[in-house]
Amino acid sequence: MALSKRQVSQLQKIVETVQAILATEEKQSSQPSKSKAASRGAAGTTSSRRSGKELAAFRKALLAERKSGVPVAEIAKRHKVSKSYIYQL
């Protein structure tokens, strides 16, 4: 199977592109991502799933805060939940 000059040229371009992608990936993996590091540091602890009585108590607390007039954005930030979750309650 003989390849034409054009096919060889296209294959070389593909190889160069793959090498460039791998080189940039190696640079990024060696340097810690600022966004990941910042989000991990801001969170403090890993998130956990609430269930049962704990979930019911959490929802009651969110509803009580909401009824007392606390802004949704503030509640979401404080409890690390989305705004839409609060609106769904």
PDB file of N, CA and C in Angstrom:
ATOM      1  N   MET A   1       0.850  -1.173   0.000  1.00  0.00           N
ATOM      2  CA  MET A   1       0.000   0.000   0.000  1.00  0.00           C
ATOM      3  C   MET A   1       0.894   1.233   0.000  1.00  0.00           C
ATOM      4  N   ALA A   2       0.947   1.899  -1.100  1.00  0.00           N
ATOM      5  CA  ALA A   2       1.766   3.090  -1.239  1.00  0.00           C
ATOM      6  C   ALA A   2       0.905   4.319  -0.960  1.00  0.00           C
ATOM      7  N   LEU A   3       1.454   5.233  -0.165  1.00  0.00           N
ATOM      8  CA  LEU A   3       0.733   6.461   0.166  1.00  0.00           C
ATOM      9  C   LEU A   3       1.213   7.583  -0.741  1.00  0.00           C
ATOM     10  N   SER A   4       0.299   8.443  -1.127  1.00  0.00           N
ATOM     11  CA  SER A   4       0.672   9.596  -1.946  1.00  0.00           C
ATOM     12  C   SER A   4       1.305  10.664  -1.059  1.00  0.00           C
ATOM     13  N   LYS A   5       1.915  11.648  -1.681  1.00  0.00           N
ATOM     14  CA  LYS A   5       2.561  12.733  -0.933  1.00  0.00           C
ATOM     15  C   LYS A   5       1.523  13.466  -0.069  1.00  0.00           C
ATOM     16  N   ARG A   6       0.362  13.646  -0.608  1.00  0.00           N
ATOM     17  CA  ARG A   6      -0.697  14.349   0.117  1.00  0.00           C
ATOM     18  C   ARG A   6      -1.108  13.572   1.368  1.00  0.00           C
ATOM     19  N   GLN A   7      -1.259  12.276   1.251  1.00  0.00           N
ATOM     20  CA  GLN A   7      -1.632  11.446   2.395  1.00  0.00           C
ATOM     21  C   GLN A   7      -0.551  11.457   3.461  1.00  0.00           C
ATOM     22  N   VAL A   8       0.703  11.398   3.037  1.00  0.00           N
ATOM     23  CA  VAL A   8       1.819  11.454   3.983  1.00  0.00           C
ATOM     24  C   VAL A   8       1.819  12.789   4.704  1.00  0.00           C
ATOM     25  N   SER A   9       1.570  13.849   3.954  1.00  0.00           N
ATOM     26  CA  SER A   9       1.526  15.187   4.546  1.00  0.00           C
ATOM     27  C   SER A   9       0.389  15.299   5.568  1.00  0.00           C
ATOM     28  N   GLN A  10      -0.757  14.755   5.242  1.00  0.00           N
ATOM     29  CA  GLN A  10      -1.892  14.788   6.170  1.00  0.00           C
ATOM     30  C   GLN A  10      -1.599  13.990   7.436  1.00  0.00           C
ATOM     31  N   LEU A  11      -0.969  12.853   7.281  1.00  0.00           N
ATOM     32  CA  LEU A  11      -0.605  12.051   8.453  1.00  0.00           C
ATOM     33  C   LEU A  11       0.401  12.778   9.335  1.00  0.00           C
ATOM     34  N   GLN A  12       1.352  13.468   8.721  1.00  0.00           N
ATOM     35  CA  GLN A  12       2.329  14.229   9.497  1.00  0.00           C
ATOM     36  C   GLN A  12       1.643  15.349  10.279  1.00  0.00           C
ATOM     37  N   LYS A  13       0.674  16.014   9.661  1.00  0.00           N
ATOM     38  CA  LYS A  13      -0.070  17.067  10.354  1.00  0.00           C
ATOM     39  C   LYS A  13      -0.828  16.498  11.547  1.00  0.00           C
ATOM     40  N   ILE A  14      -1.406  15.325  11.367  1.00  0.00           N
ATOM     41  CA  ILE A  14      -2.142  14.684  12.457  1.00  0.00           C
ATOM     42  C   ILE A  14      -1.196  14.374  13.617  1.00  0.00           C
ATOM     43  N   VAL A  15      -0.040  13.830  13.294  1.00  0.00           N
ATOM     44  CA  VAL A  15       0.940  13.489  14.335  1.00  0.00           C
ATOM     45  C   VAL A  15       1.397  14.740  15.068  1.00  0.00           C
ATOM     46  N   GLU A  16       1.664  15.821  14.332  1.00  0.00           N
ATOM     47  CA  GLU A  16       2.090  17.078  14.961  1.00  0.00           C
ATOM     48  C   GLU A  16       0.998  17.632  15.871  1.00  0.00           C
ATOM     49  N   THR A  17      -0.234  17.551  15.433  1.00  0.00           N
ATOM     50  CA  THR A  17      -1.348  18.040  16.239  1.00  0.00           C
ATOM     51  C   THR A  17      -1.490  17.247  17.535  1.00  0.00           C
ATOM     52  N   VAL A  18      -1.381  15.931  17.425  1.00  0.00           N
ATOM     53  CA  VAL A  18      -1.485  15.082  18.610  1.00  0.00           C
ATOM     54  C   VAL A  18      -0.336  15.373  19.577  1.00  0.00           C
ATOM     55  N   GLN A  19       0.858  15.558  19.058  1.00  0.00           N
ATOM     56  CA  GLN A  19       1.999  15.868  19.921  1.00  0.00           C
ATOM     57  C   GLN A  19       1.815  17.211  20.618  1.00  0.00           C
ATOM     58  N   ALA A  20       1.262  18.195  19.904  1.00  0.00           N
ATOM     59  CA  ALA A  20       1.010  19.502  20.513  1.00  0.00           C
ATOM     60  C   ALA A  20      -0.027  19.397  21.627  1.00  0.00           C
ATOM     61  N   ILE A  21      -1.064  18.616  21.400  1.00  0.00           N
ATOM     62  CA  ILE A  21      -2.101  18.426  22.420  1.00  0.00           C
ATOM     63  C   ILE A  21      -1.517  17.746  23.653  1.00  0.00           C
ATOM     64  N   LEU A  22      -0.728  16.717  23.432  1.00  0.00           N
ATOM     65  CA  LEU A  22      -0.108  16.009  24.553  1.00  0.00           C
ATOM     66  C   LEU A  22       0.847  16.907  25.326  1.00  0.00           C
ATOM     67  N   ALA A  23       1.576  17.760  24.625  1.00  0.00           N
ATOM     68  CA  ALA A  23       2.507  18.671  25.289  1.00  0.00           C
ATOM     69  C   ALA A  23       1.760  19.661  26.175  1.00  0.00           C
ATOM     70  N   THR A  24       0.660  20.218  25.675  1.00  0.00           N
ATOM     71  CA  THR A  24      -0.106  21.164  26.493  1.00  0.00           C
ATOM     72  C   THR A  24      -0.767  20.458  27.667  1.00  0.00           C
ATOM     73  N   GLU A  25      -1.203  19.231  27.465  1.00  0.00           N
ATOM     74  CA  GLU A  25      -1.829  18.469  28.551  1.00  0.00           C
ATOM     75  C   GLU A  25      -0.820  18.175  29.652  1.00  0.00           C
ATOM     76  N   GLU A  26       0.407  17.859  29.272  1.00  0.00           N
ATOM     77  CA  GLU A  26       1.445  17.595  30.272  1.00  0.00           C
ATOM     78  C   GLU A  26       1.755  18.849  31.083  1.00  0.00           C
ATOM     79  N   LYS A  27       1.760  20.008  30.418  1.00  0.00           N
ATOM     80  CA  LYS A  27       1.994  21.269  31.131  1.00  0.00           C
ATOM     81  C   LYS A  27       0.884  21.540  32.136  1.00  0.00           C
ATOM     82  N   GLN A  28      -0.360  21.307  31.705  1.00  0.00           N
ATOM     83  CA  GLN A  28      -1.499  21.569  32.577  1.00  0.00           C
ATOM     84  C   GLN A  28      -1.557  20.593  33.736  1.00  0.00           C
ATOM     85  N   SER A  29      -1.191  19.353  33.510  1.00  0.00           N
ATOM     86  CA  SER A  29      -1.252  18.371  34.583  1.00  0.00           C
ATOM     87  C   SER A  29      -0.135  18.578  35.598  1.00  0.00           C
ATOM     88  N   SER A  30       0.975  19.159  35.184  1.00  0.00           N
ATOM     89  CA  SER A  30       2.062  19.400  36.127  1.00  0.00           C
ATOM     90  C   SER A  30       1.776  20.604  37.021  1.00  0.00           C
ATOM     91  N   GLN A  31       0.973  21.552  36.524  1.00  0.00           N
ATOM     92  CA  GLN A  31       0.603  22.719  37.305  1.00  0.00           C
ATOM     93  C   GLN A  31      -0.800  22.516  37.862  1.00  0.00           C
ATOM     94  N   PRO A  32      -0.995  22.722  39.179  1.00  0.00           N
ATOM     95  CA  PRO A  32      -2.340  22.553  39.725  1.00  0.00           C
ATOM     96  C   PRO A  32      -3.273  23.626  39.169  1.00  0.00           C
ATOM     97  N   SER A  33      -4.460  23.216  38.853  1.00  0.00           N
ATOM     98  CA  SER A  33      -5.451  24.128  38.315  1.00  0.00           C
ATOM     99  C   SER A  33      -5.896  25.114  39.384  1.00  0.00           C
ATOM    100  N   LYS A  34      -5.909  26.393  39.041  1.00  0.00           N
ATOM    101  CA  LYS A  34      -6.303  27.418  40.006  1.00  0.00           C
ATOM    102  C   LYS A  34      -7.766  27.292  40.375  1.00  0.00           C
ATOM    103  N   SER A  35      -8.614  27.002  39.400  1.00  0.00           N
ATOM    104  CA  SER A  35     -10.042  26.921  39.694  1.00  0.00           C
ATOM    105  C   SER A  35     -10.353  25.738  40.606  1.00  0.00           C
ATOM    106  N   LYS A  36      -9.711  24.596  40.364  1.00  0.00           N
ATOM    107  CA  LYS A  36      -9.954  23.442  41.217  1.00  0.00           C
ATOM    108  C   LYS A  36      -9.415  23.687  42.612  1.00  0.00           C
ATOM    109  N   ALA A  37      -8.226  24.256  42.702  1.00  0.00           N
ATOM    110  CA  ALA A  37      -7.626  24.508  44.010  1.00  0.00           C
ATOM    111  C   ALA A  37      -8.448  25.532  44.785  1.00  0.00           C
ATOM    112  N   ALA A  38      -8.942  26.549  44.091  1.00  0.00           N
ATOM    113  CA  ALA A  38      -9.730  27.578  44.764  1.00  0.00           C
ATOM    114  C   ALA A  38     -11.056  27.018  45.248  1.00  0.00           C
ATOM    115  N   SER A  39     -11.703  26.215  44.425  1.00  0.00           N
ATOM    116  CA  SER A  39     -13.006  25.691  44.830  1.00  0.00           C
ATOM    117  C   SER A  39     -12.858  24.703  45.985  1.00  0.00           C
ATOM    118  N   ARG A  40     -11.796  23.913  45.981  1.00  0.00           N
ATOM    119  CA  ARG A  40     -11.580  22.984  47.086  1.00  0.00           C
ATOM    120  C   ARG A  40     -11.278  23.738  48.373  1.00  0.00           C
ATOM    121  N   GLY A  41     -10.474  24.793  48.267  1.00  0.00           N
ATOM    122  CA  GLY A  41     -10.127  25.560  49.457  1.00  0.00           C
ATOM    123  C   GLY A  41     -11.322  26.308  50.014  1.00  0.00           C
ATOM    124  N   ALA A  42     -12.171  26.799  49.125  1.00  0.00           N
ATOM    125  CA  ALA A  42     -13.332  27.557  49.567  1.00  0.00           C
ATOM    126  C   ALA A  42     -14.356  26.658  50.244  1.00  0.00           C
ATOM    127  N   ALA A  43     -14.494  25.458  49.741  1.00  0.00           N
ATOM    128  CA  ALA A  43     -15.490  24.552  50.288  1.00  0.00           C
ATOM    129  C   ALA A  43     -15.086  24.075  51.678  1.00  0.00           C
ATOM    130  N   GLY A  44     -13.813  23.849  51.892  1.00  0.00           N
ATOM    131  CA  GLY A  44     -13.352  23.402  53.208  1.00  0.00           C
ATOM    132  C   GLY A  44     -13.473  21.910  53.388  1.00  0.00           C
ATOM    133  N   THR A  45     -14.660  21.369  53.197  1.00  0.00           N
ATOM    134  CA  THR A  45     -14.860  19.941  53.341  1.00  0.00           C
ATOM    135  C   THR A  45     -15.574  19.420  52.104  1.00  0.00           C
ATOM    136  N   THR A  46     -15.547  18.146  51.936  1.00  0.00           N
ATOM    137  CA  THR A  46     -16.247  17.568  50.804  1.00  0.00           C
ATOM    138  C   THR A  46     -17.739  17.536  51.092  1.00  0.00           C
ATOM    139  N   SER A  47     -18.512  17.601  50.026  1.00  0.00           N
ATOM    140  CA  SER A  47     -19.959  17.590  50.216  1.00  0.00           C
ATOM    141  C   SER A  47     -20.426  16.176  50.545  1.00  0.00           C
ATOM    142  N   SER A  48     -21.501  16.110  51.294  1.00  0.00           N
ATOM    143  CA  SER A  48     -22.059  14.807  51.629  1.00  0.00           C
ATOM    144  C   SER A  48     -23.559  14.843  51.361  1.00  0.00           C
ATOM    145  N   ARG A  49     -24.114  13.723  51.129  1.00  0.00           N
ATOM    146  CA  ARG A  49     -25.534  13.635  50.821  1.00  0.00           C
ATOM    147  C   ARG A  49     -26.332  13.511  52.113  1.00  0.00           C
ATOM    148  N   ARG A  50     -27.342  14.375  52.244  1.00  0.00           N
ATOM    149  CA  ARG A  50     -28.198  14.334  53.425  1.00  0.00           C
ATOM    150  C   ARG A  50     -29.326  13.340  53.186  1.00  0.00           C
ATOM    151  N   SER A  51     -29.727  12.661  54.226  1.00  0.00           N
ATOM    152  CA  SER A  51     -30.840  11.723  54.072  1.00  0.00           C
ATOM    153  C   SER A  51     -31.617  11.633  55.375  1.00  0.00           C
ATOM    154  N   GLY A  52     -32.847  11.193  55.254  1.00  0.00           N
ATOM    155  CA  GLY A  52     -33.684  10.930  56.416  1.00  0.00           C
ATOM    156  C   GLY A  52     -34.004  12.147  57.253  1.00  0.00           C
ATOM    157  N   LYS A  53     -33.844  11.996  58.552  1.00  0.00           N
ATOM    158  CA  LYS A  53     -34.186  13.060  59.496  1.00  0.00           C
ATOM    159  C   LYS A  53     -33.316  14.297  59.293  1.00  0.00           C
ATOM    160  N   GLU A  54     -32.073  14.066  58.935  1.00  0.00           N
ATOM    161  CA  GLU A  54     -31.175  15.194  58.721  1.00  0.00           C
ATOM    162  C   GLU A  54     -31.663  16.049  57.550  1.00  0.00           C
ATOM    163  N   LEU A  55     -32.124  15.415  56.483  1.00  0.00           N
ATOM    164  CA  LEU A  55     -32.628  16.135  55.320  1.00  0.00           C
ATOM    165  C   LEU A  55     -33.894  16.915  55.664  1.00  0.00           C
ATOM    166  N   ALA A  56     -34.783  16.302  56.421  1.00  0.00           N
ATOM    167  CA  ALA A  56     -36.023  16.983  56.817  1.00  0.00           C
ATOM    168  C   ALA A  56     -35.714  18.206  57.669  1.00  0.00           C
ATOM    169  N   ALA A  57     -34.795  18.066  58.590  1.00  0.00           N
ATOM    170  CA  ALA A  57     -34.417  19.193  59.447  1.00  0.00           C
ATOM    171  C   ALA A  57     -33.756  20.297  58.627  1.00  0.00           C
ATOM    172  N   PHE A  58     -32.925  19.908  57.666  1.00  0.00           N
ATOM    173  CA  PHE A  58     -32.249  20.883  56.806  1.00  0.00           C
ATOM    174  C   PHE A  58     -33.261  21.671  55.982  1.00  0.00           C
ATOM    175  N   ARG A  59     -34.246  20.967  55.418  1.00  0.00           N
ATOM    176  CA  ARG A  59     -35.277  21.650  54.628  1.00  0.00           C
ATOM    177  C   ARG A  59     -36.099  22.603  55.486  1.00  0.00           C
ATOM    178  N   LYS A  60     -36.440  22.180  56.702  1.00  0.00           N
ATOM    179  CA  LYS A  60     -37.190  23.051  57.612  1.00  0.00           C
ATOM    180  C   LYS A  60     -36.399  24.309  57.923  1.00  0.00           C
ATOM    181  N   ALA A  61     -35.102  24.139  58.147  1.00  0.00           N
ATOM    182  CA  ALA A  61     -34.251  25.289  58.460  1.00  0.00           C
ATOM    183  C   ALA A  61     -34.178  26.243  57.266  1.00  0.00           C
ATOM    184  N   LEU A  62     -34.067  25.692  56.065  1.00  0.00           N
ATOM    185  CA  LEU A  62     -34.030  26.540  54.876  1.00  0.00           C
ATOM    186  C   LEU A  62     -35.338  27.301  54.699  1.00  0.00           C
ATOM    187  N   LEU A  63     -36.465  26.613  54.896  1.00  0.00           N
ATOM    188  CA  LEU A  63     -37.757  27.271  54.769  1.00  0.00           C
ATOM    189  C   LEU A  63     -37.936  28.357  55.819  1.00  0.00           C
ATOM    190  N   ALA A  64     -37.473  28.095  57.030  1.00  0.00           N
ATOM    191  CA  ALA A  64     -37.582  29.092  58.094  1.00  0.00           C
ATOM    192  C   ALA A  64     -36.759  30.333  57.759  1.00  0.00           C
ATOM    193  N   GLU A  65     -35.561  30.123  57.253  1.00  0.00           N
ATOM    194  CA  GLU A  65     -34.723  31.264  56.865  1.00  0.00           C
ATOM    195  C   GLU A  65     -35.384  32.051  55.738  1.00  0.00           C
ATOM    196  N   ARG A  66     -35.942  31.323  54.783  1.00  0.00           N
ATOM    197  CA  ARG A  66     -36.583  31.967  53.643  1.00  0.00           C
ATOM    198  C   ARG A  66     -37.793  32.785  54.080  1.00  0.00           C
ATOM    199  N   LYS A  67     -38.592  32.241  55.003  1.00  0.00           N
ATOM    200  CA  LYS A  67     -39.776  32.958  55.491  1.00  0.00           C
ATOM    201  C   LYS A  67     -39.397  34.179  56.321  1.00  0.00           C
ATOM    202  N   SER A  68     -38.231  34.122  56.959  1.00  0.00           N
ATOM    203  CA  SER A  68     -37.813  35.271  57.772  1.00  0.00           C
ATOM    204  C   SER A  68     -37.235  36.396  56.921  1.00  0.00           C
ATOM    205  N   GLY A  69     -37.109  36.167  55.602  1.00  0.00           N
ATOM    206  CA  GLY A  69     -36.713  37.252  54.707  1.00  0.00           C
ATOM    207  C   GLY A  69     -35.253  37.253  54.294  1.00  0.00           C
ATOM    208  N   VAL A  70     -34.543  36.209  54.576  1.00  0.00           N
ATOM    209  CA  VAL A  70     -33.138  36.135  54.177  1.00  0.00           C
ATOM    210  C   VAL A  70     -33.083  35.905  52.664  1.00  0.00           C
ATOM    211  N   PRO A  71     -32.240  36.655  51.945  1.00  0.00           N
ATOM    212  CA  PRO A  71     -32.152  36.479  50.492  1.00  0.00           C
ATOM    213  C   PRO A  71     -31.697  35.065  50.107  1.00  0.00           C
ATOM    214  N   VAL A  72     -32.244  34.578  49.004  1.00  0.00           N
ATOM    215  CA  VAL A  72     -31.944  33.226  48.540  1.00  0.00           C
ATOM    216  C   VAL A  72     -30.453  33.071  48.243  1.00  0.00           C
ATOM    217  N   ALA A  73     -29.841  34.075  47.650  1.00  0.00           N
ATOM    218  CA  ALA A  73     -28.420  33.986  47.316  1.00  0.00           C
ATOM    219  C   ALA A  73     -27.572  33.777  48.570  1.00  0.00           C
ATOM    220  N   GLU A  74     -27.929  34.461  49.630  1.00  0.00           N
ATOM    221  CA  GLU A  74     -27.186  34.336  50.886  1.00  0.00           C
ATOM    222  C   GLU A  74     -27.371  32.939  51.499  1.00  0.00           C
ATOM    223  N   ILE A  75     -28.595  32.440  51.464  1.00  0.00           N
ATOM    224  CA  ILE A  75     -28.875  31.100  52.001  1.00  0.00           C
ATOM    225  C   ILE A  75     -28.098  30.052  51.209  1.00  0.00           C
ATOM    226  N   ALA A  76     -28.131  30.182  49.880  1.00  0.00           N
ATOM    227  CA  ALA A  76     -27.446  29.214  49.024  1.00  0.00           C
ATOM    228  C   ALA A  76     -25.946  29.212  49.281  1.00  0.00           C
ATOM    229  N   LYS A  77     -25.390  30.377  49.447  1.00  0.00           N
ATOM    230  CA  LYS A  77     -23.949  30.474  49.690  1.00  0.00           C
ATOM    231  C   LYS A  77     -23.582  29.898  51.052  1.00  0.00           C
ATOM    232  N   ARG A  78     -24.381  30.206  52.052  1.00  0.00           N
ATOM    233  CA  ARG A  78     -24.093  29.758  53.413  1.00  0.00           C
ATOM    234  C   ARG A  78     -24.169  28.243  53.553  1.00  0.00           C
ATOM    235  N   HIS A  79     -25.168  27.643  52.906  1.00  0.00           N
ATOM    236  CA  HIS A  79     -25.386  26.206  53.062  1.00  0.00           C
ATOM    237  C   HIS A  79     -24.803  25.375  51.916  1.00  0.00           C
ATOM    238  N   LYS A  80     -24.185  26.064  50.953  1.00  0.00           N
ATOM    239  CA  LYS A  80     -23.555  25.409  49.804  1.00  0.00           C
ATOM    240  C   LYS A  80     -24.543  24.549  49.005  1.00  0.00           C
ATOM    241  N   VAL A  81     -25.678  25.153  48.689  1.00  0.00           N
ATOM    242  CA  VAL A  81     -26.668  24.532  47.815  1.00  0.00           C
ATOM    243  C   VAL A  81     -26.987  25.521  46.708  1.00  0.00           C
ATOM    244  N   SER A  82     -27.636  25.058  45.661  1.00  0.00           N
ATOM    245  CA  SER A  82     -27.969  25.949  44.557  1.00  0.00           C
ATOM    246  C   SER A  82     -29.201  26.788  44.894  1.00  0.00           C
ATOM    247  N   LYS A  83     -29.320  27.910  44.206  1.00  0.00           N
ATOM    248  CA  LYS A  83     -30.483  28.771  44.402  1.00  0.00           C
ATOM    249  C   LYS A  83     -31.757  28.057  43.959  1.00  0.00           C
ATOM    250  N   SER A  84     -31.636  27.292  42.877  1.00  0.00           N
ATOM    251  CA  SER A  84     -32.815  26.607  42.373  1.00  0.00           C
ATOM    252  C   SER A  84     -33.328  25.581  43.385  1.00  0.00           C
ATOM    253  N   TYR A  85     -32.429  24.965  44.143  1.00  0.00           N
ATOM    254  CA  TYR A  85     -32.860  24.003  45.173  1.00  0.00           C
ATOM    255  C   TYR A  85     -33.724  24.703  46.216  1.00  0.00           C
ATOM    256  N   ILE A  86     -33.341  25.903  46.589  1.00  0.00           N
ATOM    257  CA  ILE A  86     -34.104  26.648  47.592  1.00  0.00           C
ATOM    258  C   ILE A  86     -35.455  27.056  47.029  1.00  0.00           C
ATOM    259  N   TYR A  87     -35.468  27.490  45.778  1.00  0.00           N
ATOM    260  CA  TYR A  87     -36.735  27.880  45.160  1.00  0.00           C
ATOM    261  C   TYR A  87     -37.672  26.694  45.014  1.00  0.00           C
ATOM    262  N   GLN A  88     -37.140  25.484  44.843  1.00  0.00           N
ATOM    263  CA  GLN A  88     -37.976  24.301  44.709  1.00  0.00           C
ATOM    264  C   GLN A  88     -38.682  23.927  45.986  1.00  0.00           C
ATOM    265  N   LEU A  89     -38.122  24.331  47.119  1.00  0.00           N
ATOM    266  CA  LEU A  89     -38.753  23.997  48.394  1.00  0.00           C
ATOM    267  C   LEU A  89     -39.999  24.764  48.522  1.00  0.00           C
TER     268      LEU A  89
END
